[in-house]
Amino acid sequence: MSTGLLTMDQFQRALPKRCKNNVNEKIIDKVNEILLDPEMRETYRENLMSYTNVMADGKYKMESYLEAVRYVSHKLMGDTNTTAYIKTFPDRYQRLLNMGKNTQLISNHVTAYNKNRLVNLIMEQTLIPSHILNQDLYQKALNVQASMMVDMSASPKVRSDAADSLLTHLKAPESKKIELDINIKEDTSIADLRATTMELVAQQKKMIESGVAGVKAIAHSRLAITEDEILEGEVVE
């Protein structure tokens, strides 16, 4: 649209599927009312359409999203937290003044809103990693190092250091090995089973040595041990 205003269809297309039905004429009118401000129009419209993914998780009201984007937009334009809050909530700010709230109490309201989860989710979206922001400088630095490396008028030390720097910064990422540290720990039932089994072996050995039972009889005796027998410390022959 040449006016820069939004239609319901345009805004809905930018929203996650679960939020599309939350847009109505009242919401669009509120958006376009802000977009009428020529100083705010471009920034607010761009941010409004760019950060809709924060609505995919969490149950936020559409009005809360509009307010949070407006607040963040003012901050991105250089306003302090307090100024951004006043511009976002002029009626709320005036109400606080009418109630006789002093500067400190109003500041508390501003601080609380600035810590709002939705506000901070949007702020996170606005942060550009420094390696992306300074990509052009990174490439220029590499070009300088490459130029020094092949400059025969430079000392061998300078050329060697430049070459080493390039090798370091252009090194392919190493594949990381995943090491699994598997520790097998015995619980008390395993320890009890081992102790009971050893007692059984000792008992059977004594029976063979004393002639009470023969090797064949022992070989055919029951070796299965129940859980109750383990807990009681007894073995039934």
C-alpha atoms as a PDB file:
ATOM      1  CA  MET A   1       0.000   0.000   0.000  1.00  0.00           C
ATOM      2  CA  SER A   2       1.328   3.395  -0.934  1.00  0.00           C
ATOM      3  CA  THR A   3       0.208   4.855   2.399  1.00  0.00           C
ATOM      4  CA  GLY A   4       2.246   2.293   4.320  1.00  0.00           C
ATOM      5  CA  LEU A   5      -0.824   1.073   6.203  1.00  0.00           C
ATOM      6  CA  LEU A   6      -1.573  -2.600   6.765  1.00  0.00           C
ATOM      7  CA  THR A   7      -4.547  -4.674   5.702  1.00  0.00           C
ATOM      8  CA  MET A   8      -5.821  -7.560   7.805  1.00  0.00           C
ATOM      9  CA  ASP A   9      -4.680 -10.051   5.172  1.00  0.00           C
ATOM     10  CA  GLN A  10      -1.131  -8.648   5.107  1.00  0.00           C
ATOM     11  CA  PHE A  11      -0.761  -8.873   8.866  1.00  0.00           C
ATOM     12  CA  GLN A  12      -2.301 -12.342   9.091  1.00  0.00           C
ATOM     13  CA  ARG A  13       0.149 -13.714   6.511  1.00  0.00           C
ATOM     14  CA  ALA A  14       3.054 -12.642   8.725  1.00  0.00           C
ATOM     15  CA  LEU A  15       1.669 -14.323  11.849  1.00  0.00           C
ATOM     16  CA  PRO A  16       2.098 -17.935  13.026  1.00  0.00           C
ATOM     17  CA  LYS A  17      -0.862 -20.123  12.083  1.00  0.00           C
ATOM     18  CA  ARG A  18      -2.201 -20.325  15.633  1.00  0.00           C
ATOM     19  CA  CYS A  19      -2.418 -16.514  15.878  1.00  0.00           C
ATOM     20  CA  LYS A  20      -4.047 -15.633  12.566  1.00  0.00           C
ATOM     21  CA  ASN A  21      -7.587 -15.767  13.944  1.00  0.00           C
ATOM     22  CA  ASN A  22      -6.674 -13.296  16.705  1.00  0.00           C
ATOM     23  CA  VAL A  23      -6.516 -10.453  14.198  1.00  0.00           C
ATOM     24  CA  ASN A  24      -9.641  -8.358  13.799  1.00  0.00           C
ATOM     25  CA  GLU A  25     -10.577  -4.919  12.526  1.00  0.00           C
ATOM     26  CA  LYS A  26      -9.947  -3.372  15.948  1.00  0.00           C
ATOM     27  CA  ILE A  27      -6.362  -4.690  15.943  1.00  0.00           C
ATOM     28  CA  ILE A  28      -5.703  -3.426  12.417  1.00  0.00           C
ATOM     29  CA  ASP A  29      -7.140  -0.011  13.262  1.00  0.00           C
ATOM     30  CA  LYS A  30      -4.821   0.189  16.278  1.00  0.00           C
ATOM     31  CA  VAL A  31      -1.820  -0.744  14.121  1.00  0.00           C
ATOM     32  CA  ASN A  32      -2.658   1.749  11.394  1.00  0.00           C
ATOM     33  CA  GLU A  33      -3.251   4.492  13.943  1.00  0.00           C
ATOM     34  CA  ILE A  34       0.413   4.179  14.927  1.00  0.00           C
ATOM     35  CA  LEU A  35       1.528   3.914  11.303  1.00  0.00           C
ATOM     36  CA  LEU A  36       0.002   7.320  10.618  1.00  0.00           C
ATOM     37  CA  ASP A  37       2.988   8.793  12.483  1.00  0.00           C
ATOM     38  CA  PRO A  38       5.575   9.393   9.701  1.00  0.00           C
ATOM     39  CA  GLU A  39       8.502   9.165  12.154  1.00  0.00           C
ATOM     40  CA  MET A  40       7.292   5.843  13.513  1.00  0.00           C
ATOM     41  CA  ARG A  41       5.795   4.262  10.408  1.00  0.00           C
ATOM     42  CA  GLU A  42       8.728   2.532   8.765  1.00  0.00           C
ATOM     43  CA  THR A  43      10.370   1.178  11.933  1.00  0.00           C
ATOM     44  CA  TYR A  44       7.131   0.040  13.555  1.00  0.00           C
ATOM     45  CA  ARG A  45       5.759  -1.630  10.445  1.00  0.00           C
ATOM     46  CA  GLU A  46       9.024  -3.484   9.780  1.00  0.00           C
ATOM     47  CA  ASN A  47       9.350  -4.663  13.374  1.00  0.00           C
ATOM     48  CA  LEU A  48       5.698  -5.600  13.613  1.00  0.00           C
ATOM     49  CA  MET A  49       6.026  -7.901  10.615  1.00  0.00           C
ATOM     50  CA  SER A  50       9.491  -9.239  11.521  1.00  0.00           C
ATOM     51  CA  TYR A  51       9.077 -10.481  15.083  1.00  0.00           C
ATOM     52  CA  THR A  52       5.783 -12.361  14.822  1.00  0.00           C
ATOM     53  CA  ASN A  53       7.570 -15.665  15.449  1.00  0.00           C
ATOM     54  CA  VAL A  54       7.715 -14.812  19.175  1.00  0.00           C
ATOM     55  CA  MET A  55       3.957 -15.404  19.198  1.00  0.00           C
ATOM     56  CA  ALA A  56       4.373 -19.029  18.176  1.00  0.00           C
ATOM     57  CA  ASP A  57       5.159 -20.094  21.749  1.00  0.00           C
ATOM     58  CA  GLY A  58       3.327 -18.794  24.740  1.00  0.00           C
ATOM     59  CA  LYS A  59      -0.141 -17.384  25.097  1.00  0.00           C
ATOM     60  CA  TYR A  60       0.157 -13.673  24.439  1.00  0.00           C
ATOM     61  CA  LYS A  61      -2.613 -11.285  23.579  1.00  0.00           C
ATOM     62  CA  MET A  62      -2.343  -9.595  20.211  1.00  0.00           C
ATOM     63  CA  GLU A  63      -2.646  -6.216  21.931  1.00  0.00           C
ATOM     64  CA  SER A  64       0.340  -7.116  24.129  1.00  0.00           C
ATOM     65  CA  TYR A  65       2.396  -7.936  21.042  1.00  0.00           C
ATOM     66  CA  LEU A  66       1.523  -4.594  19.421  1.00  0.00           C
ATOM     67  CA  GLU A  67       2.510  -2.711  22.581  1.00  0.00           C
ATOM     68  CA  ALA A  68       5.747  -4.654  23.059  1.00  0.00           C
ATOM     69  CA  VAL A  69       6.815  -4.055  19.450  1.00  0.00           C
ATOM     70  CA  ARG A  70       6.013  -0.365  19.779  1.00  0.00           C
ATOM     71  CA  TYR A  71       8.049  -0.108  22.998  1.00  0.00           C
ATOM     72  CA  VAL A  72      11.028  -1.945  21.471  1.00  0.00           C
ATOM     73  CA  SER A  73      10.784   0.161  18.315  1.00  0.00           C
ATOM     74  CA  HIS A  74      11.120   3.351  20.343  1.00  0.00           C
ATOM     75  CA  LYS A  75      14.120   1.917  22.170  1.00  0.00           C
ATOM     76  CA  LEU A  76      15.764   0.974  18.861  1.00  0.00           C
ATOM     77  CA  MET A  77      15.290   4.563  17.745  1.00  0.00           C
ATOM     78  CA  GLY A  78      17.393   5.737  20.710  1.00  0.00           C
ATOM     79  CA  ASP A  79      14.771   6.435  23.376  1.00  0.00           C
ATOM     80  CA  THR A  80      15.434   5.558  27.011  1.00  0.00           C
ATOM     81  CA  ASN A  81      13.264   2.967  28.742  1.00  0.00           C
ATOM     82  CA  THR A  82      11.196   5.695  30.386  1.00  0.00           C
ATOM     83  CA  THR A  83      10.693   7.703  27.191  1.00  0.00           C
ATOM     84  CA  ALA A  84       9.800   4.552  25.246  1.00  0.00           C
ATOM     85  CA  TYR A  85       7.306   3.601  27.958  1.00  0.00           C
ATOM     86  CA  ILE A  86       5.675   7.044  27.926  1.00  0.00           C
ATOM     87  CA  LYS A  87       5.359   7.011  24.117  1.00  0.00           C
ATOM     88  CA  THR A  88       3.944   3.503  24.147  1.00  0.00           C
ATOM     89  CA  PHE A  89       1.510   4.073  27.011  1.00  0.00           C
ATOM     90  CA  PRO A  90       0.679   7.809  27.059  1.00  0.00           C
ATOM     91  CA  ASP A  91      -2.721   7.223  28.691  1.00  0.00           C
ATOM     92  CA  ARG A  92      -1.250   4.905  31.304  1.00  0.00           C
ATOM     93  CA  TYR A  93       1.508   7.396  32.071  1.00  0.00           C
ATOM     94  CA  GLN A  94      -1.007  10.234  32.453  1.00  0.00           C
ATOM     95  CA  ARG A  95      -3.109   8.094  34.765  1.00  0.00           C
ATOM     96  CA  LEU A  96      -0.081   7.475  36.993  1.00  0.00           C
ATOM     97  CA  LEU A  97       0.543  11.223  37.145  1.00  0.00           C
ATOM     98  CA  ASN A  98      -3.098  11.879  38.031  1.00  0.00           C
ATOM     99  CA  MET A  99      -2.787   9.359  40.848  1.00  0.00           C
ATOM    100  CA  GLY A 100       0.070  11.388  42.277  1.00  0.00           C
ATOM    101  CA  LYS A 101       2.775   8.804  41.557  1.00  0.00           C
ATOM    102  CA  ASN A 102       6.247  10.286  41.913  1.00  0.00           C
ATOM    103  CA  THR A 103       9.163   9.743  39.538  1.00  0.00           C
ATOM    104  CA  GLN A 104      10.489   6.737  41.487  1.00  0.00           C
ATOM    105  CA  LEU A 105       7.168   4.904  41.443  1.00  0.00           C
ATOM    106  CA  ILE A 106       6.744   5.555  37.723  1.00  0.00           C
ATOM    107  CA  SER A 107      10.310   4.323  37.202  1.00  0.00           C
ATOM    108  CA  ASN A 108       9.332   1.103  38.964  1.00  0.00           C
ATOM    109  CA  HIS A 109       6.504   0.592  36.473  1.00  0.00           C
ATOM    110  CA  VAL A 110       8.927   1.195  33.607  1.00  0.00           C
ATOM    111  CA  THR A 111      11.461  -1.270  35.016  1.00  0.00           C
ATOM    112  CA  ALA A 112       8.793  -3.921  35.494  1.00  0.00           C
ATOM    113  CA  TYR A 113       7.585  -3.560  31.906  1.00  0.00           C
ATOM    114  CA  ASN A 114      11.122  -3.607  30.565  1.00  0.00           C
ATOM    115  CA  LYS A 115      11.523  -7.043  32.197  1.00  0.00           C
ATOM    116  CA  ASN A 116       8.342  -8.295  30.519  1.00  0.00           C
ATOM    117  CA  ARG A 117       8.991 -11.682  28.891  1.00  0.00           C
ATOM    118  CA  LEU A 118       7.398 -10.727  25.575  1.00  0.00           C
ATOM    119  CA  VAL A 119       9.439  -7.514  25.438  1.00  0.00           C
ATOM    120  CA  ASN A 120      12.647  -9.420  26.045  1.00  0.00           C
ATOM    121  CA  LEU A 121      11.812 -12.063  23.442  1.00  0.00           C
ATOM    122  CA  ILE A 122      11.416  -9.289  20.882  1.00  0.00           C
ATOM    123  CA  MET A 123      14.614  -7.568  22.045  1.00  0.00           C
ATOM    124  CA  GLU A 124      16.491 -10.840  21.509  1.00  0.00           C
ATOM    125  CA  GLN A 125      15.259 -10.887  17.924  1.00  0.00           C
ATOM    126  CA  THR A 126      16.751  -7.444  17.319  1.00  0.00           C
ATOM    127  CA  LEU A 127      20.270  -8.398  18.383  1.00  0.00           C
ATOM    128  CA  ILE A 128      22.634  -9.040  15.477  1.00  0.00           C
ATOM    129  CA  PRO A 129      25.678 -11.243  16.244  1.00  0.00           C
ATOM    130  CA  SER A 130      28.899  -9.215  16.004  1.00  0.00           C
ATOM    131  CA  HIS A 131      30.476 -11.642  13.525  1.00  0.00           C
ATOM    132  CA  ILE A 132      27.600 -10.972  11.130  1.00  0.00           C
ATOM    133  CA  LEU A 133      27.496  -7.249  11.839  1.00  0.00           C
ATOM    134  CA  ASN A 134      31.246  -6.938  11.138  1.00  0.00           C
ATOM    135  CA  GLN A 135      31.487  -9.424   8.290  1.00  0.00           C
ATOM    136  CA  ASP A 136      32.921  -6.772   5.952  1.00  0.00           C
ATOM    137  CA  LEU A 137      35.704  -5.938   8.424  1.00  0.00           C
ATOM    138  CA  TYR A 138      36.550  -9.613   8.795  1.00  0.00           C
ATOM    139  CA  GLN A 139      37.007  -9.975   5.049  1.00  0.00           C
ATOM    140  CA  LYS A 140      39.086  -6.778   4.862  1.00  0.00           C
ATOM    141  CA  ALA A 141      41.380  -8.103   7.599  1.00  0.00           C
ATOM    142  CA  LEU A 142      41.846 -11.347   5.670  1.00  0.00           C
ATOM    143  CA  ASN A 143      42.651  -9.386   2.527  1.00  0.00           C
ATOM    144  CA  VAL A 144      45.326  -7.402   4.374  1.00  0.00           C
ATOM    145  CA  GLN A 145      46.889 -10.580   5.752  1.00  0.00           C
ATOM    146  CA  ALA A 146      46.853 -12.195   2.300  1.00  0.00           C
ATOM    147  CA  SER A 147      48.502  -9.110   0.774  1.00  0.00           C
ATOM    148  CA  MET A 148      51.263  -9.124   3.416  1.00  0.00           C
ATOM    149  CA  MET A 149      51.843 -12.847   2.915  1.00  0.00           C
ATOM    150  CA  VAL A 150      52.774 -12.404  -0.772  1.00  0.00           C
ATOM    151  CA  ASP A 151      54.552  -9.057  -0.369  1.00  0.00           C
ATOM    152  CA  MET A 152      58.163  -9.927  -1.158  1.00  0.00           C
ATOM    153  CA  SER A 153      59.306  -6.539   0.151  1.00  0.00           C
ATOM    154  CA  ALA A 154      58.153  -7.523   3.635  1.00  0.00           C
ATOM    155  CA  SER A 155      60.425  -9.435   5.980  1.00  0.00           C
ATOM    156  CA  PRO A 156      60.159 -13.249   6.114  1.00  0.00           C
ATOM    157  CA  LYS A 157      58.866 -12.913   9.681  1.00  0.00           C
ATOM    158  CA  VAL A 158      56.017 -10.618   8.638  1.00  0.00           C
ATOM    159  CA  ARG A 159      55.062 -12.868   5.704  1.00  0.00           C
ATOM    160  CA  SER A 160      55.240 -15.967   7.901  1.00  0.00           C
ATOM    161  CA  ASP A 161      53.043 -14.407  10.586  1.00  0.00           C
ATOM    162  CA  ALA A 162      50.508 -13.309   7.965  1.00  0.00           C
ATOM    163  CA  ALA A 163      50.401 -16.803   6.474  1.00  0.00           C
ATOM    164  CA  ASP A 164      50.020 -18.343   9.927  1.00  0.00           C
ATOM    165  CA  SER A 165      47.176 -15.945  10.733  1.00  0.00           C
ATOM    166  CA  LEU A 166      45.341 -16.931   7.552  1.00  0.00           C
ATOM    167  CA  LEU A 167      45.807 -20.619   8.287  1.00  0.00           C
ATOM    168  CA  THR A 168      44.368 -20.106  11.756  1.00  0.00           C
ATOM    169  CA  HIS A 169      41.328 -18.070  10.758  1.00  0.00           C
ATOM    170  CA  LEU A 170      40.511 -20.029   7.592  1.00  0.00           C
ATOM    171  CA  LYS A 171      40.954 -23.431   9.167  1.00  0.00           C
ATOM    172  CA  ALA A 172      38.062 -25.765   8.485  1.00  0.00           C
ATOM    173  CA  PRO A 173      35.997 -26.597  11.574  1.00  0.00           C
ATOM    174  CA  GLU A 174      37.034 -29.813  13.233  1.00  0.00           C
ATOM    175  CA  SER A 175      34.495 -32.545  13.661  1.00  0.00           C
ATOM    176  CA  LYS A 176      33.737 -33.039  17.306  1.00  0.00           C
ATOM    177  CA  LYS A 177      33.959 -36.500  18.767  1.00  0.00           C
ATOM    178  CA  ILE A 178      31.158 -37.523  21.004  1.00  0.00           C
ATOM    179  CA  GLU A 179      32.435 -39.454  23.951  1.00  0.00           C
ATOM    180  CA  LEU A 180      30.088 -41.461  26.079  1.00  0.00           C
ATOM    181  CA  ASP A 181      31.052 -42.056  29.670  1.00  0.00           C
ATOM    182  CA  ILE A 182      29.067 -45.070  30.703  1.00  0.00           C
ATOM    183  CA  ASN A 183      29.346 -46.036  34.333  1.00  0.00           C
ATOM    184  CA  ILE A 184      27.752 -49.263  35.447  1.00  0.00           C
ATOM    185  CA  LYS A 185      26.862 -49.024  39.087  1.00  0.00           C
ATOM    186  CA  GLU A 186      25.604 -51.880  41.140  1.00  0.00           C
ATOM    187  CA  ASP A 187      22.534 -51.408  43.239  1.00  0.00           C
ATOM    188  CA  THR A 188      21.987 -53.323  46.498  1.00  0.00           C
ATOM    189  CA  SER A 189      20.014 -56.142  44.847  1.00  0.00           C
ATOM    190  CA  ILE A 190      22.989 -57.102  42.628  1.00  0.00           C
ATOM    191  CA  ALA A 191      25.352 -57.029  45.595  1.00  0.00           C
ATOM    192  CA  ASP A 192      22.959 -59.118  47.678  1.00  0.00           C
ATOM    193  CA  LEU A 193      22.569 -61.624  44.858  1.00  0.00           C
ATOM    194  CA  ARG A 194      26.322 -62.033  44.549  1.00  0.00           C
ATOM    195  CA  ALA A 195      26.718 -62.512  48.306  1.00  0.00           C
ATOM    196  CA  THR A 196      23.918 -65.080  48.467  1.00  0.00           C
ATOM    197  CA  THR A 197      25.337 -66.971  45.490  1.00  0.00           C
ATOM    198  CA  MET A 198      28.779 -67.130  47.083  1.00  0.00           C
ATOM    199  CA  GLU A 199      27.243 -68.424  50.307  1.00  0.00           C
ATOM    200  CA  LEU A 200      25.421 -71.099  48.315  1.00  0.00           C
ATOM    201  CA  VAL A 201      28.633 -72.180  46.589  1.00  0.00           C
ATOM    202  CA  ALA A 202      30.461 -72.386  49.945  1.00  0.00           C
ATOM    203  CA  GLN A 203      27.612 -74.410  51.455  1.00  0.00           C
ATOM    204  CA  GLN A 204      27.548 -76.862  48.553  1.00  0.00           C
ATOM    205  CA  LYS A 205      31.329 -77.264  48.734  1.00  0.00           C
ATOM    206  CA  LYS A 206      31.088 -78.188  52.430  1.00  0.00           C
ATOM    207  CA  MET A 207      28.310 -80.691  51.676  1.00  0.00           C
ATOM    208  CA  ILE A 208      30.491 -82.394  49.068  1.00  0.00           C
ATOM    209  CA  GLU A 209      33.554 -82.471  51.342  1.00  0.00           C
ATOM    210  CA  SER A 210      31.557 -83.874  54.278  1.00  0.00           C
ATOM    211  CA  GLY A 211      29.888 -86.511  52.141  1.00  0.00           C
ATOM    212  CA  VAL A 212      26.381 -85.217  52.835  1.00  0.00           C
ATOM    213  CA  ALA A 213      25.752 -84.852  49.103  1.00  0.00           C
ATOM    214  CA  GLY A 214      27.508 -86.020  45.976  1.00  0.00           C
ATOM    215  CA  VAL A 215      28.769 -83.952  43.096  1.00  0.00           C
ATOM    216  CA  LYS A 216      25.977 -85.228  40.851  1.00  0.00           C
ATOM    217  CA  ALA A 217      23.266 -84.275  43.329  1.00  0.00           C
ATOM    218  CA  ILE A 218      24.739 -80.833  43.758  1.00  0.00           C
ATOM    219  CA  ALA A 219      24.947 -80.392  39.988  1.00  0.00           C
ATOM    220  CA  HIS A 220      21.225 -81.080  39.665  1.00  0.00           C
ATOM    221  CA  SER A 221      20.146 -78.944  42.609  1.00  0.00           C
ATOM    222  CA  ARG A 222      17.985 -75.850  42.084  1.00  0.00           C
ATOM    223  CA  LEU A 223      20.030 -72.714  41.464  1.00  0.00           C
ATOM    224  CA  ALA A 224      17.207 -70.233  40.887  1.00  0.00           C
ATOM    225  CA  ILE A 225      16.916 -67.752  43.729  1.00  0.00           C
ATOM    226  CA  THR A 226      13.825 -65.696  44.319  1.00  0.00           C
ATOM    227  CA  GLU A 227      13.785 -62.039  45.274  1.00  0.00           C
ATOM    228  CA  ASP A 228      12.254 -62.906  48.664  1.00  0.00           C
ATOM    229  CA  GLU A 229      15.054 -65.357  49.325  1.00  0.00           C
ATOM    230  CA  ILE A 230      17.632 -62.689  48.540  1.00  0.00           C
ATOM    231  CA  LEU A 231      15.984 -60.222  50.884  1.00  0.00           C
ATOM    232  CA  GLU A 232      15.709 -62.806  53.678  1.00  0.00           C
ATOM    233  CA  GLY A 233      19.228 -64.101  53.138  1.00  0.00           C
ATOM    234  CA  GLU A 234      17.981 -67.677  52.774  1.00  0.00           C
ATOM    235  CA  VAL A 235      18.232 -70.239  50.009  1.00  0.00           C
ATOM    236  CA  VAL A 236      15.776 -73.112  49.928  1.00  0.00           C
ATOM    237  CA  GLU A 237      17.222 -76.342  48.679  1.00  0.00           C
END
